[in-house]
Amino acid sequence: MLPIDHDPAAASAAIKSIRALDLQLATIEEIFDLMTPIFRGYRVVAPHFKPGLTLFRSRICDKPFHISDLLAPPPHITPMGRVNRSENPILYCCTSRQAPFFESRPAEGQTVAIGSWITTAPILVNHVGYTQRSFDALLSNRKQASWGHEPVNHLNEAVSDFLGEIFTQIIPRGSEYRYKISVAIAEKLFLDDIFDGLLYPSIAMRANADNFAVKLRYANAYLQFQRAEYARIEHVRDFAFDFTVLDTATELGADGSICWRGRLDQWVISEPFGQLHFTAENGEWVARDKHGNIVESH
C-alpha cells in the first residue's frame, strides 16, 4: 500500500496540466509522467475474484471457425483502445451476455459471434470509474459497485473522481487519439505484475455492467472456453438489440477449431413427467429441474 505523501498542490497542478493537453500531439509517456503527483498516496481496495467468473466477448463477423477469432487480435492489427496501446493487445471482456453487443455496436442485418469463458484461477484486478459522479454522468440505473477508492481523505476521493471522469468519457469513432489519457491511467493502475487486469464500468451500457481488460498472460492460462453463439442482429432499438441465434457450440477441437452444432440449444428431461423451470439470468435462459438443480443444454 502506498504511503500517504499526497501533495495537494502538485496533484492539482498535474490535473490542470492534463486537462489542457492537446491529445493529438501529446504522447502517452508524457501523460503518464504528468500523472505521477496524482497517484502519490492514492489508495484503492482491489477486488479479488474466485475462480468461476463467467466472461463474455463478441465480434461483428461472419461465422468464425477458430477460437482465436474470438480472442484478442494479433499485435499487428491491434488499434489503441481504452486500456491498451496500439500493437499491444489485451482481452476485453464483459460480465454479462448483453454487454458485448453494446461494446461492438453492430447494425441491423450484421452477424456477430459471442464467446463465453470461465475463470479457472483467482483473478486480482485494479479498477477505475466506480464513483457516484461517473455513474451519474453515464446515467446508470444501478448503484455504485461495492468496490471503490479507499476513503482515506477527501484528497483520495478527489483523485478517484478525476480518474473516473477521464477514464469513462465517451470517445466517438474517429477520435481514438483521445484514448491516450485513459491508456496512461490504466498503465498507472495495473501495469504492476500483481494485477491480472483492470475492471471498469461498461461505458457503452451506461455503467449497468462491468468490463474486464484481462492481461494475456492470465487469459491464455486461466480462461476455459464454455460456449459460442452465432447470431444475426434483427433490430437495433434505443438501448436494446433484438437478435436471432443461428448456431451454437460448446466444444473446441484439439486445434482450437469451433465445433458448431448446426442447431440451437436443447434440454433433455430424464425423468417421467418431469418439468424444467426456466429463468432469465445474466441475459440467458437457465433451466432447473424440480429439485432446483441446473440442467445443462446439449
C-alpha atoms as a PDB file:
ATOM      1  CA  MET A   1       0.000   0.000   0.000  1.00  0.00           C
ATOM      2  CA  LEU A   2       1.344   3.407  -0.942  1.00  0.00           C
ATOM      3  CA  PRO A   3       2.435   5.852   1.794  1.00  0.00           C
ATOM      4  CA  ILE A   4       0.296   8.900   2.381  1.00  0.00           C
ATOM      5  CA  ASP A   5       2.578  11.537   0.855  1.00  0.00           C
ATOM      6  CA  HIS A   6      -0.027  13.212  -1.299  1.00  0.00           C
ATOM      7  CA  ASP A   7       0.851  16.782  -2.284  1.00  0.00           C
ATOM      8  CA  PRO A   8      -2.464  18.555  -2.980  1.00  0.00           C
ATOM      9  CA  ALA A   9      -0.864  21.483  -4.791  1.00  0.00           C
ATOM     10  CA  ALA A  10       1.213  19.235  -7.048  1.00  0.00           C
ATOM     11  CA  ALA A  11      -1.766  16.968  -7.771  1.00  0.00           C
ATOM     12  CA  SER A  12      -3.976  19.955  -8.590  1.00  0.00           C
ATOM     13  CA  ALA A  13      -1.339  21.371 -10.932  1.00  0.00           C
ATOM     14  CA  ALA A  14      -0.969  17.988 -12.643  1.00  0.00           C
ATOM     15  CA  ILE A  15      -4.712  17.674 -13.193  1.00  0.00           C
ATOM     16  CA  LYS A  16      -4.820  21.188 -14.645  1.00  0.00           C
ATOM     17  CA  SER A  17      -1.926  20.395 -16.997  1.00  0.00           C
ATOM     18  CA  ILE A  18      -3.540  17.153 -18.154  1.00  0.00           C
ATOM     19  CA  ARG A  19      -6.845  18.883 -18.889  1.00  0.00           C
ATOM     20  CA  ALA A  20      -5.007  21.476 -21.007  1.00  0.00           C
ATOM     21  CA  LEU A  21      -3.164  18.933 -23.177  1.00  0.00           C
ATOM     22  CA  ASP A  22      -3.602  18.735 -26.937  1.00  0.00           C
ATOM     23  CA  LEU A  23      -4.143  14.989 -27.083  1.00  0.00           C
ATOM     24  CA  GLN A  24      -3.415  14.830 -30.789  1.00  0.00           C
ATOM     25  CA  LEU A  25       0.143  15.942 -30.047  1.00  0.00           C
ATOM     26  CA  ALA A  26       0.790  14.620 -26.539  1.00  0.00           C
ATOM     27  CA  THR A  27       2.317  11.168 -26.071  1.00  0.00           C
ATOM     28  CA  ILE A  28       1.204   8.506 -23.625  1.00  0.00           C
ATOM     29  CA  GLU A  29       4.617   8.764 -21.962  1.00  0.00           C
ATOM     30  CA  GLU A  30       4.147  12.497 -21.338  1.00  0.00           C
ATOM     31  CA  ILE A  31       0.693  11.930 -19.830  1.00  0.00           C
ATOM     32  CA  PHE A  32       1.994   9.026 -17.739  1.00  0.00           C
ATOM     33  CA  ASP A  33       4.728  11.228 -16.259  1.00  0.00           C
ATOM     34  CA  LEU A  34       2.337  14.113 -15.610  1.00  0.00           C
ATOM     35  CA  MET A  35       0.156  11.787 -13.524  1.00  0.00           C
ATOM     36  CA  THR A  36       2.891  10.914 -11.015  1.00  0.00           C
ATOM     37  CA  PRO A  37       1.854  13.564  -8.403  1.00  0.00           C
ATOM     38  CA  ILE A  38      -1.798  12.480  -8.717  1.00  0.00           C
ATOM     39  CA  PHE A  39      -1.025   8.891  -7.743  1.00  0.00           C
ATOM     40  CA  ARG A  40       1.253   9.650  -4.790  1.00  0.00           C
ATOM     41  CA  GLY A  41      -0.559   8.250  -1.754  1.00  0.00           C
ATOM     42  CA  TYR A  42      -3.621   7.137  -3.736  1.00  0.00           C
ATOM     43  CA  ARG A  43      -5.276   4.069  -2.182  1.00  0.00           C
ATOM     44  CA  VAL A  44      -7.802   1.577  -3.529  1.00  0.00           C
ATOM     45  CA  VAL A  45      -9.389  -1.690  -2.433  1.00  0.00           C
ATOM     46  CA  ALA A  46      -8.581  -4.170  -5.222  1.00  0.00           C
ATOM     47  CA  PRO A  47     -11.263  -6.821  -5.932  1.00  0.00           C
ATOM     48  CA  HIS A  48     -10.110 -10.438  -5.798  1.00  0.00           C
ATOM     49  CA  PHE A  49     -12.487 -12.770  -7.659  1.00  0.00           C
ATOM     50  CA  LYS A  50     -12.592 -16.501  -7.003  1.00  0.00           C
ATOM     51  CA  PRO A  51     -12.487 -18.996  -9.904  1.00  0.00           C
ATOM     52  CA  GLY A  52     -15.809 -19.468 -11.668  1.00  0.00           C
ATOM     53  CA  LEU A  53     -16.321 -15.951 -13.039  1.00  0.00           C
ATOM     54  CA  THR A  54     -18.011 -16.015 -16.467  1.00  0.00           C
ATOM     55  CA  LEU A  55     -16.770 -13.507 -19.038  1.00  0.00           C
ATOM     56  CA  PHE A  56     -18.248 -12.694 -22.458  1.00  0.00           C
ATOM     57  CA  ARG A  57     -16.818 -11.251 -25.649  1.00  0.00           C
ATOM     58  CA  SER A  58     -18.228 -10.660 -29.143  1.00  0.00           C
ATOM     59  CA  ARG A  59     -17.167  -9.734 -32.665  1.00  0.00           C
ATOM     60  CA  ILE A  60     -19.025  -8.437 -35.704  1.00  0.00           C
ATOM     61  CA  CYS A  61     -18.055 -11.067 -38.288  1.00  0.00           C
ATOM     62  CA  ASP A  62     -19.073 -13.943 -40.488  1.00  0.00           C
ATOM     63  CA  LYS A  63     -19.215 -17.279 -38.679  1.00  0.00           C
ATOM     64  CA  PRO A  64     -15.765 -17.875 -37.155  1.00  0.00           C
ATOM     65  CA  PHE A  65     -14.212 -21.331 -37.271  1.00  0.00           C
ATOM     66  CA  HIS A  66     -11.339 -20.985 -34.802  1.00  0.00           C
ATOM     67  CA  ILE A  67     -11.417 -19.772 -31.212  1.00  0.00           C
ATOM     68  CA  SER A  68      -8.563 -17.357 -31.918  1.00  0.00           C
ATOM     69  CA  ASP A  69     -11.067 -15.320 -33.949  1.00  0.00           C
ATOM     70  CA  LEU A  70     -12.950 -14.549 -30.727  1.00  0.00           C
ATOM     71  CA  LEU A  71      -9.918 -13.731 -28.605  1.00  0.00           C
ATOM     72  CA  ALA A  72      -7.570 -10.744 -28.607  1.00  0.00           C
ATOM     73  CA  PRO A  73      -6.347  -9.751 -32.081  1.00  0.00           C
ATOM     74  CA  PRO A  74      -2.691 -10.205 -33.043  1.00  0.00           C
ATOM     75  CA  PRO A  75      -0.405  -7.241 -32.285  1.00  0.00           C
ATOM     76  CA  HIS A  76      -0.012  -6.008 -35.878  1.00  0.00           C
ATOM     77  CA  ILE A  77      -3.762  -5.268 -36.217  1.00  0.00           C
ATOM     78  CA  THR A  78      -4.411  -4.090 -32.645  1.00  0.00           C
ATOM     79  CA  PRO A  79      -5.519  -0.440 -32.531  1.00  0.00           C
ATOM     80  CA  MET A  80      -5.235   1.737 -29.454  1.00  0.00           C
ATOM     81  CA  GLY A  81      -8.176   1.200 -27.092  1.00  0.00           C
ATOM     82  CA  ARG A  82      -9.409   2.469 -23.774  1.00  0.00           C
ATOM     83  CA  VAL A  83      -6.809   0.391 -21.906  1.00  0.00           C
ATOM     84  CA  ASN A  84      -4.187  -0.712 -24.448  1.00  0.00           C
ATOM     85  CA  ARG A  85      -1.652   0.923 -26.710  1.00  0.00           C
ATOM     86  CA  SER A  86      -1.661   0.091 -30.416  1.00  0.00           C
ATOM     87  CA  GLU A  87       0.047  -3.227 -31.205  1.00  0.00           C
ATOM     88  CA  ASN A  88      -0.280  -4.201 -27.540  1.00  0.00           C
ATOM     89  CA  PRO A  89      -3.356  -6.475 -27.372  1.00  0.00           C
ATOM     90  CA  ILE A  90      -5.358  -7.121 -24.245  1.00  0.00           C
ATOM     91  CA  LEU A  91      -8.509  -9.208 -23.850  1.00  0.00           C
ATOM     92  CA  TYR A  92     -11.575  -7.033 -23.361  1.00  0.00           C
ATOM     93  CA  CYS A  93     -14.450  -8.982 -21.777  1.00  0.00           C
ATOM     94  CA  CYS A  94     -17.789  -8.230 -20.149  1.00  0.00           C
ATOM     95  CA  THR A  95     -19.592  -9.727 -17.167  1.00  0.00           C
ATOM     96  CA  SER A  96     -22.973 -10.009 -18.903  1.00  0.00           C
ATOM     97  CA  ARG A  97     -24.035 -11.565 -22.202  1.00  0.00           C
ATOM     98  CA  GLN A  98     -25.797  -8.368 -23.299  1.00  0.00           C
ATOM     99  CA  ALA A  99     -22.854  -6.036 -22.811  1.00  0.00           C
ATOM    100  CA  PRO A 100     -20.715  -7.180 -25.786  1.00  0.00           C
ATOM    101  CA  PHE A 101     -23.480  -6.112 -28.189  1.00  0.00           C
ATOM    102  CA  PHE A 102     -23.275  -2.571 -26.843  1.00  0.00           C
ATOM    103  CA  GLU A 103     -19.490  -2.608 -26.913  1.00  0.00           C
ATOM    104  CA  SER A 104     -19.226  -3.752 -30.562  1.00  0.00           C
ATOM    105  CA  ARG A 105     -22.299  -1.756 -31.725  1.00  0.00           C
ATOM    106  CA  PRO A 106     -23.481  -3.964 -34.632  1.00  0.00           C
ATOM    107  CA  ALA A 107     -26.007  -2.678 -37.169  1.00  0.00           C
ATOM    108  CA  GLU A 108     -29.229  -4.332 -38.273  1.00  0.00           C
ATOM    109  CA  GLY A 109     -28.539  -7.269 -40.578  1.00  0.00           C
ATOM    110  CA  GLN A 110     -24.994  -7.813 -39.369  1.00  0.00           C
ATOM    111  CA  THR A 111     -23.913 -11.091 -37.801  1.00  0.00           C
ATOM    112  CA  VAL A 112     -21.989 -11.430 -34.565  1.00  0.00           C
ATOM    113  CA  ALA A 113     -20.223 -14.217 -32.710  1.00  0.00           C
ATOM    114  CA  ILE A 114     -20.387 -14.287 -28.909  1.00  0.00           C
ATOM    115  CA  GLY A 115     -17.999 -16.348 -26.839  1.00  0.00           C
ATOM    116  CA  SER A 116     -18.047 -17.070 -23.129  1.00  0.00           C
ATOM    117  CA  TRP A 117     -15.266 -18.316 -20.865  1.00  0.00           C
ATOM    118  CA  ILE A 118     -14.969 -19.182 -17.186  1.00  0.00           C
ATOM    119  CA  THR A 119     -12.011 -18.317 -14.988  1.00  0.00           C
ATOM    120  CA  THR A 120     -10.174 -21.292 -13.501  1.00  0.00           C
ATOM    121  CA  ALA A 121      -7.929 -19.367 -11.097  1.00  0.00           C
ATOM    122  CA  PRO A 122      -8.381 -16.363  -8.798  1.00  0.00           C
ATOM    123  CA  ILE A 123      -8.096 -13.032 -10.585  1.00  0.00           C
ATOM    124  CA  LEU A 124      -6.868  -9.860  -8.866  1.00  0.00           C
ATOM    125  CA  VAL A 125      -7.754  -6.627 -10.638  1.00  0.00           C
ATOM    126  CA  ASN A 126      -7.431  -2.932 -10.022  1.00  0.00           C
ATOM    127  CA  HIS A 127     -10.346  -0.718 -11.010  1.00  0.00           C
ATOM    128  CA  VAL A 128     -11.375   2.738 -12.133  1.00  0.00           C
ATOM    129  CA  GLY A 129     -14.651   4.575 -12.705  1.00  0.00           C
ATOM    130  CA  TYR A 130     -16.618   3.309  -9.708  1.00  0.00           C
ATOM    131  CA  THR A 131     -17.602   6.683  -8.328  1.00  0.00           C
ATOM    132  CA  GLN A 132     -21.035   8.157  -7.926  1.00  0.00           C
ATOM    133  CA  ARG A 133     -20.007  11.031 -10.186  1.00  0.00           C
ATOM    134  CA  SER A 134     -19.088   8.631 -13.016  1.00  0.00           C
ATOM    135  CA  PHE A 135     -22.287   6.620 -12.591  1.00  0.00           C
ATOM    136  CA  ASP A 136     -24.382   9.812 -12.648  1.00  0.00           C
ATOM    137  CA  ALA A 137     -22.591  11.098 -15.757  1.00  0.00           C
ATOM    138  CA  LEU A 138     -23.293   7.818 -17.575  1.00  0.00           C
ATOM    139  CA  LEU A 139     -26.955   7.840 -16.434  1.00  0.00           C
ATOM    140  CA  SER A 140     -26.565   4.452 -14.778  1.00  0.00           C
ATOM    141  CA  ASN A 141     -29.606   2.683 -13.352  1.00  0.00           C
ATOM    142  CA  ARG A 142     -27.619   0.818 -10.726  1.00  0.00           C
ATOM    143  CA  LYS A 143     -25.952   1.863  -7.550  1.00  0.00           C
ATOM    144  CA  GLN A 144     -22.213   2.275  -7.348  1.00  0.00           C
ATOM    145  CA  ALA A 145     -20.384  -1.057  -7.096  1.00  0.00           C
ATOM    146  CA  SER A 146     -19.200  -2.268  -3.692  1.00  0.00           C
ATOM    147  CA  TRP A 147     -15.539  -1.708  -4.541  1.00  0.00           C
ATOM    148  CA  GLY A 148     -14.066   1.754  -4.880  1.00  0.00           C
ATOM    149  CA  HIS A 149     -11.318   4.004  -3.647  1.00  0.00           C
ATOM    150  CA  GLU A 150     -10.387   3.680  -0.004  1.00  0.00           C
ATOM    151  CA  PRO A 151     -11.933   6.714   1.752  1.00  0.00           C
ATOM    152  CA  VAL A 152      -8.683   7.834   3.417  1.00  0.00           C
ATOM    153  CA  ASN A 153      -9.463  11.531   2.998  1.00  0.00           C
ATOM    154  CA  HIS A 154     -11.143  13.987   0.659  1.00  0.00           C
ATOM    155  CA  LEU A 155      -7.989  14.191  -1.495  1.00  0.00           C
ATOM    156  CA  ASN A 156      -8.189  10.471  -2.229  1.00  0.00           C
ATOM    157  CA  GLU A 157     -11.822  10.931  -3.209  1.00  0.00           C
ATOM    158  CA  ALA A 158     -10.958  13.874  -5.485  1.00  0.00           C
ATOM    159  CA  VAL A 159      -8.328  11.803  -7.296  1.00  0.00           C
ATOM    160  CA  SER A 160     -10.759   8.908  -7.730  1.00  0.00           C
ATOM    161  CA  ASP A 161     -13.380  11.282  -9.160  1.00  0.00           C
ATOM    162  CA  PHE A 162     -10.872  12.750 -11.613  1.00  0.00           C
ATOM    163  CA  LEU A 163      -9.638   9.358 -12.786  1.00  0.00           C
ATOM    164  CA  GLY A 164     -13.207   8.075 -13.158  1.00  0.00           C
ATOM    165  CA  GLU A 165     -14.338  11.152 -15.072  1.00  0.00           C
ATOM    166  CA  ILE A 166     -11.470  10.978 -17.568  1.00  0.00           C
ATOM    167  CA  PHE A 167     -11.454   7.194 -17.964  1.00  0.00           C
ATOM    168  CA  THR A 168     -15.202   6.828 -18.590  1.00  0.00           C
ATOM    169  CA  GLN A 169     -15.524   9.554 -21.204  1.00  0.00           C
ATOM    170  CA  ILE A 170     -17.413   8.537 -24.337  1.00  0.00           C
ATOM    171  CA  ILE A 171     -14.925   8.584 -27.235  1.00  0.00           C
ATOM    172  CA  PRO A 172     -16.557   8.899 -30.677  1.00  0.00           C
ATOM    173  CA  ARG A 173     -15.199   6.966 -33.614  1.00  0.00           C
ATOM    174  CA  GLY A 174     -12.524   8.948 -35.378  1.00  0.00           C
ATOM    175  CA  SER A 175     -11.236  10.428 -32.113  1.00  0.00           C
ATOM    176  CA  GLU A 176      -9.359   7.376 -30.856  1.00  0.00           C
ATOM    177  CA  TYR A 177      -6.315   9.552 -30.111  1.00  0.00           C
ATOM    178  CA  ARG A 178      -8.228  10.644 -27.010  1.00  0.00           C
ATOM    179  CA  TYR A 179      -7.687   7.160 -25.586  1.00  0.00           C
ATOM    180  CA  LYS A 180      -4.093   8.212 -24.820  1.00  0.00           C
ATOM    181  CA  ILE A 181      -5.172   9.592 -21.464  1.00  0.00           C
ATOM    182  CA  SER A 182      -7.177   6.505 -20.414  1.00  0.00           C
ATOM    183  CA  VAL A 183      -4.286   4.274 -21.512  1.00  0.00           C
ATOM    184  CA  ALA A 184      -1.938   6.277 -19.261  1.00  0.00           C
ATOM    185  CA  ILE A 185      -4.403   5.921 -16.364  1.00  0.00           C
ATOM    186  CA  ALA A 186      -4.722   2.173 -16.989  1.00  0.00           C
ATOM    187  CA  GLU A 187      -0.967   1.716 -17.045  1.00  0.00           C
ATOM    188  CA  LYS A 188      -0.613   3.566 -13.757  1.00  0.00           C
ATOM    189  CA  LEU A 189      -3.275   1.320 -12.236  1.00  0.00           C
ATOM    190  CA  PHE A 190      -2.487  -2.193 -13.442  1.00  0.00           C
ATOM    191  CA  LEU A 191       0.938  -2.481 -15.057  1.00  0.00           C
ATOM    192  CA  ASP A 192       2.285  -3.960 -11.832  1.00  0.00           C
ATOM    193  CA  ASP A 193       2.676  -7.742 -12.058  1.00  0.00           C
ATOM    194  CA  ILE A 194       0.432  -8.291  -9.022  1.00  0.00           C
ATOM    195  CA  PHE A 195      -2.626  -7.344 -11.091  1.00  0.00           C
ATOM    196  CA  ASP A 196      -4.207  -9.648 -13.681  1.00  0.00           C
ATOM    197  CA  GLY A 197      -6.314  -6.944 -15.275  1.00  0.00           C
ATOM    198  CA  LEU A 198      -8.391  -3.811 -14.914  1.00  0.00           C
ATOM    199  CA  LEU A 199     -12.075  -3.625 -14.006  1.00  0.00           C
ATOM    200  CA  TYR A 200     -14.233  -0.691 -15.104  1.00  0.00           C
ATOM    201  CA  PRO A 201     -17.914   0.021 -15.774  1.00  0.00           C
ATOM    202  CA  SER A 202     -19.163  -0.522 -19.305  1.00  0.00           C
ATOM    203  CA  ILE A 203     -19.384   2.954 -20.814  1.00  0.00           C
ATOM    204  CA  ALA A 204     -21.494   1.666 -23.712  1.00  0.00           C
ATOM    205  CA  MET A 205     -24.025   0.218 -21.213  1.00  0.00           C
ATOM    206  CA  ARG A 206     -24.168   3.359 -19.054  1.00  0.00           C
ATOM    207  CA  ALA A 207     -22.282   1.622 -16.233  1.00  0.00           C
ATOM    208  CA  ASN A 208     -25.016  -1.022 -15.921  1.00  0.00           C
ATOM    209  CA  ALA A 209     -22.482  -3.807 -16.499  1.00  0.00           C
ATOM    210  CA  ASP A 210     -18.758  -4.300 -15.953  1.00  0.00           C
ATOM    211  CA  ASN A 211     -15.817  -4.725 -18.298  1.00  0.00           C
ATOM    212  CA  PHE A 212     -12.609  -6.612 -17.649  1.00  0.00           C
ATOM    213  CA  ALA A 213      -9.403  -5.786 -19.510  1.00  0.00           C
ATOM    214  CA  VAL A 214      -7.527  -9.035 -18.898  1.00  0.00           C
ATOM    215  CA  LYS A 215      -3.778  -9.417 -19.382  1.00  0.00           C
ATOM    216  CA  LEU A 216      -2.975 -12.078 -21.957  1.00  0.00           C
ATOM    217  CA  ARG A 217      -0.737 -13.995 -19.558  1.00  0.00           C
ATOM    218  CA  TYR A 218      -3.821 -14.650 -17.402  1.00  0.00           C
ATOM    219  CA  ALA A 219      -6.252 -15.140 -20.297  1.00  0.00           C
ATOM    220  CA  ASN A 220      -4.043 -17.724 -22.037  1.00  0.00           C
ATOM    221  CA  ALA A 221      -3.551 -19.739 -18.848  1.00  0.00           C
ATOM    222  CA  TYR A 222      -6.785 -19.463 -16.884  1.00  0.00           C
ATOM    223  CA  LEU A 223      -9.749 -18.847 -19.184  1.00  0.00           C
ATOM    224  CA  GLN A 224     -11.671 -22.001 -20.084  1.00  0.00           C
ATOM    225  CA  PHE A 225     -13.973 -21.951 -23.103  1.00  0.00           C
ATOM    226  CA  GLN A 226     -17.661 -22.527 -22.324  1.00  0.00           C
ATOM    227  CA  ARG A 227     -19.684 -21.801 -25.423  1.00  0.00           C
ATOM    228  CA  ALA A 228     -20.042 -19.758 -28.582  1.00  0.00           C
ATOM    229  CA  GLU A 229     -23.093 -18.405 -30.343  1.00  0.00           C
ATOM    230  CA  TYR A 230     -23.537 -17.073 -33.844  1.00  0.00           C
ATOM    231  CA  ALA A 231     -26.379 -14.580 -34.210  1.00  0.00           C
ATOM    232  CA  ARG A 232     -27.964 -12.112 -36.619  1.00  0.00           C
ATOM    233  CA  ILE A 233     -28.981  -8.627 -35.476  1.00  0.00           C
ATOM    234  CA  GLU A 234     -32.654  -8.119 -36.348  1.00  0.00           C
ATOM    235  CA  HIS A 235     -33.375  -4.711 -34.846  1.00  0.00           C
ATOM    236  CA  VAL A 236     -31.393  -2.018 -33.058  1.00  0.00           C
ATOM    237  CA  ARG A 237     -33.603  -0.177 -30.606  1.00  0.00           C
ATOM    238  CA  ASP A 238     -32.958   2.513 -28.044  1.00  0.00           C
ATOM    239  CA  PHE A 239     -30.576   0.810 -25.624  1.00  0.00           C
ATOM    240  CA  ALA A 240     -31.573  -2.670 -26.850  1.00  0.00           C
ATOM    241  CA  PHE A 241     -30.737  -5.207 -29.553  1.00  0.00           C
ATOM    242  CA  ASP A 242     -33.082  -7.859 -30.976  1.00  0.00           C
ATOM    243  CA  PHE A 243     -31.190 -10.823 -32.395  1.00  0.00           C
ATOM    244  CA  THR A 244     -31.714 -14.368 -33.627  1.00  0.00           C
ATOM    245  CA  VAL A 245     -29.272 -17.094 -32.590  1.00  0.00           C
ATOM    246  CA  LEU A 246     -28.318 -19.071 -35.705  1.00  0.00           C
ATOM    247  CA  ASP A 247     -25.887 -21.637 -34.323  1.00  0.00           C
ATOM    248  CA  THR A 248     -24.230 -22.706 -31.072  1.00  0.00           C
ATOM    249  CA  ALA A 249     -21.075 -24.513 -29.959  1.00  0.00           C
ATOM    250  CA  THR A 250     -19.966 -25.908 -26.628  1.00  0.00           C
ATOM    251  CA  GLU A 251     -16.769 -27.701 -27.649  1.00  0.00           C
ATOM    252  CA  LEU A 252     -13.471 -26.934 -29.352  1.00  0.00           C
ATOM    253  CA  GLY A 253     -11.373 -29.237 -31.455  1.00  0.00           C
ATOM    254  CA  ALA A 254      -7.840 -30.144 -30.401  1.00  0.00           C
ATOM    255  CA  ASP A 255      -6.547 -27.462 -32.778  1.00  0.00           C
ATOM    256  CA  GLY A 256      -8.858 -24.789 -31.339  1.00  0.00           C
ATOM    257  CA  SER A 257     -11.474 -25.101 -34.073  1.00  0.00           C
ATOM    258  CA  ILE A 258     -15.035 -24.225 -33.009  1.00  0.00           C
ATOM    259  CA  CYS A 259     -17.302 -27.282 -33.193  1.00  0.00           C
ATOM    260  CA  TRP A 260     -20.537 -25.676 -34.390  1.00  0.00           C
ATOM    261  CA  ARG A 261     -23.517 -27.951 -33.766  1.00  0.00           C
ATOM    262  CA  GLY A 262     -25.738 -26.739 -36.587  1.00  0.00           C
ATOM    263  CA  ARG A 263     -28.627 -26.241 -34.161  1.00  0.00           C
ATOM    264  CA  LEU A 264     -29.760 -24.320 -31.118  1.00  0.00           C
ATOM    265  CA  ASP A 265     -29.722 -25.454 -27.506  1.00  0.00           C
ATOM    266  CA  GLN A 266     -31.789 -28.470 -26.473  1.00  0.00           C
ATOM    267  CA  TRP A 267     -32.679 -29.695 -22.991  1.00  0.00           C
ATOM    268  CA  VAL A 268     -33.455 -33.315 -22.137  1.00  0.00           C
ATOM    269  CA  ILE A 269     -35.917 -34.275 -19.376  1.00  0.00           C
ATOM    270  CA  SER A 270     -34.599 -37.512 -17.907  1.00  0.00           C
ATOM    271  CA  GLU A 271     -37.451 -38.429 -15.540  1.00  0.00           C
ATOM    272  CA  PRO A 272     -41.046 -39.404 -16.456  1.00  0.00           C
ATOM    273  CA  PHE A 273     -43.465 -36.472 -16.402  1.00  0.00           C
ATOM    274  CA  GLY A 274     -40.577 -34.212 -15.415  1.00  0.00           C
ATOM    275  CA  GLN A 275     -40.615 -30.462 -15.821  1.00  0.00           C
ATOM    276  CA  LEU A 276     -37.984 -27.828 -16.366  1.00  0.00           C
ATOM    277  CA  HIS A 277     -38.276 -24.368 -14.890  1.00  0.00           C
ATOM    278  CA  PHE A 278     -36.616 -21.570 -16.886  1.00  0.00           C
ATOM    279  CA  THR A 279     -35.436 -18.254 -15.522  1.00  0.00           C
ATOM    280  CA  ALA A 280     -33.615 -15.436 -17.313  1.00  0.00           C
ATOM    281  CA  GLU A 281     -30.221 -14.962 -15.655  1.00  0.00           C
ATOM    282  CA  ASN A 282     -27.446 -12.723 -16.936  1.00  0.00           C
ATOM    283  CA  GLY A 283     -29.143 -12.487 -20.333  1.00  0.00           C
ATOM    284  CA  GLU A 284     -29.559 -16.238 -20.799  1.00  0.00           C
ATOM    285  CA  TRP A 285     -32.223 -18.842 -20.074  1.00  0.00           C
ATOM    286  CA  VAL A 286     -31.226 -21.193 -17.263  1.00  0.00           C
ATOM    287  CA  ALA A 287     -33.131 -24.470 -16.831  1.00  0.00           C
ATOM    288  CA  ARG A 288     -33.615 -26.168 -13.456  1.00  0.00           C
ATOM    289  CA  ASP A 289     -35.325 -29.413 -12.510  1.00  0.00           C
ATOM    290  CA  LYS A 290     -37.923 -29.716  -9.757  1.00  0.00           C
ATOM    291  CA  HIS A 291     -35.141 -30.015  -7.195  1.00  0.00           C
ATOM    292  CA  GLY A 292     -33.579 -26.715  -8.251  1.00  0.00           C
ATOM    293  CA  ASN A 293     -30.580 -28.320  -9.964  1.00  0.00           C
ATOM    294  CA  ILE A 294     -29.327 -26.664 -13.144  1.00  0.00           C
ATOM    295  CA  VAL A 295     -29.913 -28.781 -16.265  1.00  0.00           C
ATOM    296  CA  GLU A 296     -27.348 -28.089 -18.960  1.00  0.00           C
ATOM    297  CA  SER A 297     -28.359 -27.883 -22.598  1.00  0.00           C
ATOM    298  CA  HIS A 298     -26.917 -30.233 -25.217  1.00  0.00           C
END
